[in-house]
Protein backbone atom coordinates (compact mmCIF):
# COMPACT_ATOMS: atom_id res chain seq x y z
CA UNK A 1 65.21 37.52 103.91
CA UNK A 2 64.86 41.23 103.53
CA UNK A 3 62.82 43.31 101.08
CA UNK A 4 61.63 41.58 97.93
CA UNK A 5 61.34 43.86 94.86
CA UNK A 6 58.04 43.10 93.14
CA UNK A 7 58.23 45.98 90.71
CA UNK A 8 61.44 48.03 90.43
CA UNK A 9 60.10 51.42 89.43
CA UNK A 10 61.82 53.62 86.83
CA UNK A 11 65.33 53.84 88.26
CA UNK A 12 65.68 52.65 91.78
CA UNK A 13 69.07 52.26 93.33
CA UNK A 14 70.84 51.82 96.68
CA UNK A 15 72.74 55.05 97.54
CA UNK A 16 74.49 56.44 100.59
CA UNK A 17 76.35 59.77 100.85
CA UNK A 18 78.92 58.69 98.23
CA UNK A 19 82.28 57.13 97.46
CA UNK A 20 84.79 59.83 98.20
CA UNK A 21 88.62 59.75 98.21
CA UNK A 22 89.12 57.78 94.98
CA UNK A 23 88.66 60.41 92.25
CA UNK A 24 92.37 60.48 91.62
CA UNK A 25 91.94 56.91 90.47
CA UNK A 26 89.16 57.83 88.11
CA UNK A 27 86.37 56.43 90.39
CA UNK A 28 83.35 58.73 90.62
CA UNK A 29 81.76 59.52 93.97
CA UNK A 30 78.14 58.56 93.05
CA UNK A 31 75.93 58.71 96.14
CA UNK A 32 72.53 60.33 96.59
CA UNK A 33 71.46 63.00 94.11
CA UNK A 34 69.69 64.71 97.00
CA UNK A 35 71.96 64.27 100.01
CA UNK A 36 69.73 66.59 102.07
CA UNK A 37 66.79 64.26 101.65
CA UNK A 38 68.99 61.21 102.36
CA UNK A 39 70.18 62.74 105.59
CA UNK A 40 66.71 63.63 106.83
CA UNK A 41 65.27 60.22 105.92
CA UNK A 42 68.06 58.61 107.93
CA UNK A 43 67.58 60.96 110.90
CA UNK A 44 63.90 59.99 111.11
CA UNK A 45 64.77 56.32 111.67
CA UNK A 46 67.72 56.92 114.00
CA UNK A 47 70.45 56.08 111.50
CA UNK A 48 73.74 57.79 110.85
CA UNK A 49 73.10 60.66 108.46
CA UNK A 50 75.13 59.15 105.61
CA UNK A 51 73.68 55.63 105.87
CA UNK A 52 72.51 53.73 102.72
CA UNK A 53 68.94 54.18 101.51
CA UNK A 54 66.80 53.32 98.51
CA UNK A 55 66.88 56.22 96.01
CA UNK A 56 63.56 56.30 94.07
CA UNK A 57 63.40 58.29 90.83
CA UNK A 58 60.12 59.62 89.45
CA UNK A 59 58.16 56.38 89.43
CA UNK A 60 58.34 54.30 92.56
CA UNK A 61 58.85 50.55 93.19
CA UNK A 62 56.61 48.00 94.79
CA UNK A 63 58.40 46.31 97.73
CA UNK A 64 57.42 43.42 99.98
CA UNK A 65 58.95 43.45 103.43
CA UNK A 66 59.82 39.93 104.50
CA UNK A 67 61.10 41.23 107.91
CA UNK A 68 59.49 43.80 110.14
CA UNK A 69 61.15 47.16 109.75
CA UNK A 70 61.00 50.77 110.72
CA UNK A 71 61.29 52.98 107.64
CA UNK A 72 60.94 56.57 106.56
CA UNK A 73 60.23 58.25 103.23
CA UNK A 74 61.47 61.75 102.55
CA UNK A 75 61.82 63.94 99.46
CA UNK A 76 59.59 64.05 96.40
CA UNK A 77 55.84 63.19 96.90
CA UNK A 78 55.27 59.97 95.10
CA UNK A 79 52.00 59.05 96.86
CA UNK A 80 53.40 56.19 98.98
CA UNK A 81 51.14 53.44 100.34
CA UNK A 82 51.37 50.53 102.74
CA UNK A 83 49.04 47.66 101.64
CA UNK A 84 47.23 50.11 99.40
CA UNK A 85 46.61 52.66 102.16
CA UNK A 86 48.14 56.12 101.72
CA UNK A 87 50.76 56.96 104.35
CA UNK A 88 52.35 60.18 105.47
CA UNK A 89 56.00 60.86 104.73
CA UNK A 90 58.51 62.60 107.04
CA UNK A 91 57.87 60.29 109.99
CA UNK A 92 58.79 56.81 111.17
CA UNK A 93 56.61 54.13 109.63
CA UNK A 94 56.22 50.69 111.20
CA UNK A 95 56.17 47.88 108.62
CA UNK A 96 55.03 44.42 109.63
CA UNK A 97 56.45 41.30 107.98
CA UNK A 98 54.59 40.62 104.67
CA UNK A 99 53.38 44.21 104.18
CA UNK A 100 53.81 45.88 100.79
CA UNK A 101 55.14 49.42 100.25
CA UNK A 102 54.20 50.92 96.90
CA UNK A 103 53.98 54.31 95.18
CA UNK A 104 51.28 55.71 92.94
CA UNK A 105 51.69 58.94 91.02
CA UNK A 106 54.46 61.54 91.19
CA UNK A 107 52.96 64.73 92.64
CA UNK A 108 56.00 66.91 93.12
CA UNK A 109 59.77 66.70 92.94
CA UNK A 110 61.77 63.92 91.17
CA UNK A 111 63.46 61.79 93.88
CA UNK A 112 62.59 60.41 97.31
CA UNK A 113 64.57 58.28 99.75
CA UNK A 114 63.38 55.26 101.63
CA UNK A 115 65.50 54.75 104.73
CA UNK A 116 65.37 51.57 106.88
CA UNK A 117 66.47 51.53 110.44
CA UNK A 118 69.90 49.94 110.38
CA UNK A 119 70.50 50.74 106.73
CA UNK A 120 70.69 48.51 103.68
CA UNK A 121 72.91 45.55 104.44
CA UNK A 122 74.98 45.32 101.25
CA UNK A 123 78.80 45.27 101.26
CA UNK A 124 80.77 48.45 101.06
CA UNK A 125 82.88 48.82 97.93
CA UNK A 126 85.66 51.36 98.43
CA UNK A 127 84.01 52.69 101.63
CA UNK A 128 80.55 53.13 100.12
CA UNK A 129 77.41 51.09 99.38
CA UNK A 130 76.35 53.47 96.63
CA UNK A 131 75.44 52.12 93.21
CA UNK A 132 77.40 53.30 90.22
CA UNK A 133 75.68 51.69 87.30
CA UNK A 134 78.15 52.61 84.59
CA UNK A 135 80.99 51.08 86.62
CA UNK A 136 78.84 48.15 87.88
CA UNK A 137 79.91 48.63 91.48
CA UNK A 138 78.09 49.08 94.77
CA UNK A 139 74.41 48.39 95.68
CA UNK A 140 73.15 45.10 94.41
CA UNK A 141 75.51 43.91 91.76
CA UNK A 142 76.18 47.52 90.63
CA UNK A 143 72.75 47.73 88.99
CA UNK A 144 69.36 49.35 89.47
CA UNK A 145 66.93 47.21 91.36
CA UNK A 146 64.96 44.68 89.28
CA UNK A 147 62.04 42.37 89.99
CA UNK A 148 62.74 39.56 92.43
CA UNK A 149 65.86 41.20 93.85
CA UNK A 150 66.20 40.71 97.57
CA UNK A 151 67.46 43.77 99.48
CA UNK A 152 69.09 42.66 102.73
CA UNK A 153 68.04 44.51 105.87
CA UNK A 154 68.21 44.04 109.65
CA UNK A 155 64.84 43.38 111.32
CA UNK A 156 63.73 46.25 113.51
CA UNK A 157 60.63 47.60 115.08
CA UNK A 158 59.18 50.49 117.11
CA UNK A 159 57.56 50.08 120.49
CA UNK A 160 54.60 52.07 119.25
CA UNK A 161 53.46 53.96 116.15
CA UNK A 162 54.92 57.44 115.88
CA UNK A 163 52.45 60.34 116.24
CA UNK A 164 54.82 63.05 115.16
CA UNK A 165 55.75 64.13 111.60
CA UNK A 166 57.84 66.82 109.93
CA UNK A 167 56.08 70.06 109.08
CA UNK A 168 55.28 70.67 105.37
CA UNK A 169 57.92 73.43 105.31
CA UNK A 170 60.60 70.78 105.22
CA UNK A 171 59.36 69.52 101.87
CA UNK A 172 58.93 72.93 100.16
CA UNK A 173 62.35 72.83 98.47
CA UNK A 174 61.07 70.01 96.25
CA UNK A 175 58.69 72.43 94.50
CA UNK A 176 60.85 75.57 94.63
CA UNK A 177 60.66 77.89 91.67
CA UNK A 178 63.36 80.12 93.07
CA UNK A 179 66.51 80.75 90.94
CA UNK A 180 69.36 78.24 91.48
CA UNK A 181 72.08 80.21 93.23
CA UNK A 182 75.58 79.98 91.74
CA UNK A 183 79.04 81.34 92.18
CA UNK A 184 81.48 82.19 89.40
CA UNK A 185 83.23 79.23 87.84
CA UNK A 186 86.95 79.06 87.27
CA UNK A 187 86.57 80.01 83.60
CA UNK A 188 83.77 82.55 84.03
CA UNK A 189 85.80 85.46 82.69
CA UNK A 190 86.67 83.51 79.49
CA UNK A 191 83.10 83.93 78.37
CA UNK A 192 82.08 87.05 76.42
CA UNK A 193 79.92 89.81 77.82
CA UNK A 194 76.81 88.59 76.07
CA UNK A 195 77.24 85.02 77.31
CA UNK A 196 77.58 86.25 80.90
CA UNK A 197 74.43 88.32 80.54
CA UNK A 198 72.43 85.60 78.76
CA UNK A 199 73.47 82.95 81.28
CA UNK A 200 71.81 84.89 84.08
CA UNK A 201 68.78 86.01 82.09
CA UNK A 202 67.89 82.76 80.26
CA UNK A 203 65.28 80.29 81.51
CA UNK A 204 66.84 76.91 80.69
CA UNK A 205 64.90 73.65 80.20
CA UNK A 206 66.30 70.37 81.43
CA UNK A 207 66.57 68.01 78.39
CA UNK A 208 65.26 64.48 78.22
CA UNK A 209 68.82 63.00 77.96
CA UNK A 210 69.77 64.24 81.41
CA UNK A 211 70.65 61.62 84.05
CA UNK A 212 72.56 61.10 87.28
CA UNK A 213 75.75 62.06 85.47
CA UNK A 214 74.55 65.45 84.44
CA UNK A 215 71.65 67.72 83.51
CA UNK A 216 71.83 68.96 79.92
CA UNK A 217 70.19 72.36 79.49
CA UNK A 218 68.50 73.93 76.48
CA UNK A 219 68.50 77.67 76.11
CA UNK A 220 70.50 80.59 74.89
CA UNK A 221 73.92 79.21 73.70
CA UNK A 222 77.01 80.62 75.41
CA UNK A 223 80.27 81.56 73.72
CA UNK A 224 83.79 82.23 74.89
CA UNK A 225 85.50 85.57 74.17
CA UNK A 226 87.99 83.64 72.05
CA UNK A 227 88.58 79.91 71.27
CA UNK A 228 90.73 78.27 73.90
CA UNK A 229 92.08 74.79 74.62
CA UNK A 230 91.92 73.84 78.27
CA UNK A 231 93.77 71.24 80.25
CA UNK A 232 91.33 68.80 81.89
CA UNK A 233 90.86 69.48 85.61
CA UNK A 234 88.82 68.27 88.52
CA UNK A 235 85.09 68.81 88.70
CA UNK A 236 82.49 68.48 91.42
CA UNK A 237 78.78 68.12 91.80
CA UNK A 238 77.15 71.31 90.55
CA UNK A 239 79.96 72.31 88.17
CA UNK A 240 78.41 73.93 85.15
CA UNK A 241 80.40 73.15 82.03
CA UNK A 242 79.83 74.62 78.57
CA UNK A 243 80.75 72.36 75.63
CA UNK A 244 81.29 73.63 72.05
CA UNK A 245 77.58 73.75 71.27
CA UNK A 246 77.17 76.40 73.97
CA UNK A 247 74.45 74.54 75.90
CA UNK A 248 75.40 74.23 79.58
CA UNK A 249 75.70 70.87 81.41
CA UNK A 250 75.32 70.69 85.16
CA UNK A 251 77.40 67.82 86.59
CA UNK A 252 75.58 65.66 89.11
CA UNK A 253 76.22 62.66 91.37
CA UNK A 254 77.61 60.29 88.77
CA UNK A 255 79.79 62.97 87.18
CA UNK A 256 83.12 62.13 85.59
CA UNK A 257 86.16 62.90 87.81
CA UNK A 258 87.70 65.46 85.50
CA UNK A 259 86.50 67.68 82.68
CA UNK A 260 88.04 69.82 79.93
CA UNK A 261 85.11 72.08 79.08
CA UNK A 262 85.15 75.58 80.57
CA UNK A 263 83.15 76.00 83.75
CA UNK A 264 81.04 79.15 83.75
CA UNK A 265 79.64 78.60 87.24
CA UNK A 266 79.27 76.34 90.26
CA UNK A 267 75.93 75.70 91.94
CA UNK A 268 75.98 76.73 95.59
CA UNK A 269 75.93 73.57 97.72
CA UNK A 270 72.83 74.80 99.58
CA UNK A 271 70.79 74.65 96.33
CA UNK A 272 72.00 71.24 95.06
CA UNK A 273 68.95 69.53 96.75
CA UNK A 274 66.56 71.90 94.85
CA UNK A 275 68.35 71.02 91.61
CA UNK A 276 68.24 67.28 92.39
CA UNK A 277 64.46 67.43 92.58
CA UNK A 278 64.16 68.70 89.03
CA UNK A 279 63.30 66.39 86.20
CA UNK A 280 63.45 66.51 82.37
CA UNK A 281 61.14 69.18 81.07
CA UNK A 282 61.48 71.38 84.14
CA UNK A 283 62.77 74.91 83.78
CA UNK A 284 65.46 76.55 85.83
CA UNK A 285 67.23 79.95 85.99
CA UNK A 286 70.23 81.14 87.89
CA UNK A 287 71.20 83.85 90.34
CA UNK A 288 74.81 84.83 90.91
CA UNK A 289 75.87 85.24 94.59
CA UNK A 290 79.28 85.61 96.28
CA UNK A 291 81.30 82.73 97.67
CA UNK A 292 80.86 84.25 101.17
CA UNK A 293 77.07 84.25 100.77
CA UNK A 294 77.09 80.67 99.57
CA UNK A 295 79.14 79.62 102.59
CA UNK A 296 76.86 81.50 104.96
CA UNK A 297 73.74 79.86 103.47
CA UNK A 298 75.29 76.41 103.83
CA UNK A 299 76.33 77.05 107.44
CA UNK A 300 72.82 78.20 108.33
CA UNK A 301 71.29 75.13 106.79
CA UNK A 302 73.65 72.81 108.70
CA UNK A 303 72.64 74.56 111.91
CA UNK A 304 68.98 73.84 111.07
CA UNK A 305 69.77 70.21 110.41
CA UNK A 306 71.57 69.90 113.68
CA UNK A 307 68.50 71.24 115.54
CA UNK A 308 66.22 68.94 113.55
CA UNK A 309 68.34 65.91 114.34
CA UNK A 310 68.29 66.71 118.05
CA UNK A 311 64.46 67.08 118.02
CA UNK A 312 63.99 63.87 116.15
CA UNK A 313 66.20 61.97 118.58
CA UNK A 314 64.12 63.24 121.47
CA UNK A 315 60.90 62.14 119.68
CA UNK A 316 62.34 58.69 118.92
CA UNK A 317 64.01 58.13 122.25
CA UNK A 318 63.65 54.41 123.15
CA UNK A 319 61.19 53.70 120.40
CA UNK A 320 63.27 52.26 117.55
CA UNK A 321 65.15 49.04 118.24
CA UNK A 322 66.53 45.89 116.58
CA UNK A 323 64.67 42.65 116.92
CA UNK A 324 66.85 39.93 118.37
CA UNK A 325 66.90 36.89 116.04
């Protein structure tokens, strides 16, 4: 027994932090699109930060818990309910055996993460539980969740219902309209002067054929100073490639391991969560910053997360525990 999927939602998968260390073999990292939300969801239920969760995209599933569990939901606002009663996100939630977690309408953001105390009990494939659908590995049979799937979990409970919750400020990044901060890509100087200017002045729209592999953008096309053939090289999440049609593609969690298109920029790691909460039809624009600034912003965020983790542990001390079978 575990969690029974009654309705799967739009695209619901099991994801942890990712499958790293195998890109030289052509195996993509996958993992959570919004690793920031994944980490906080896990902190709330006293898991390791990188533990496996249920990644919910735009339209949430309906799940019946056949074991008692302590869960958290963090990220996009998808109007979650327990037995039809709205619940607050950003806090531990006690689920009794037989209760149903469902989601109504998407209010803001694009992805939220449902963490269960103890994690999702599926096998690790190459050191990760993450689902990579195109490769059919990880998660449950390498596929998005479908009706009647059983998600294995360990039974857990809290001694009492939590009275604390995260302040609204922790969710604000999901609705951020701020520019996505970037640093220069390896081939930035191969683009002509107009392309460099247009890239930073254009408001791009995320196209409908975007997915976990990459966000395809529609806007002012970009051109190189002169045609050039490139040797394929490694890419990472947030690499912004420009194919021959001049429309940028931002590589995301299920990106390929290498790419041969010129990279005009790289999204600063600190802003990847903001980007992950965008959906087709949303508009984004960019702001160039230095590598040093990008590093400082990331260090500051990690400091904030360390403080948050300590505060949550103090709130949860002695409250979350496994049930002995």
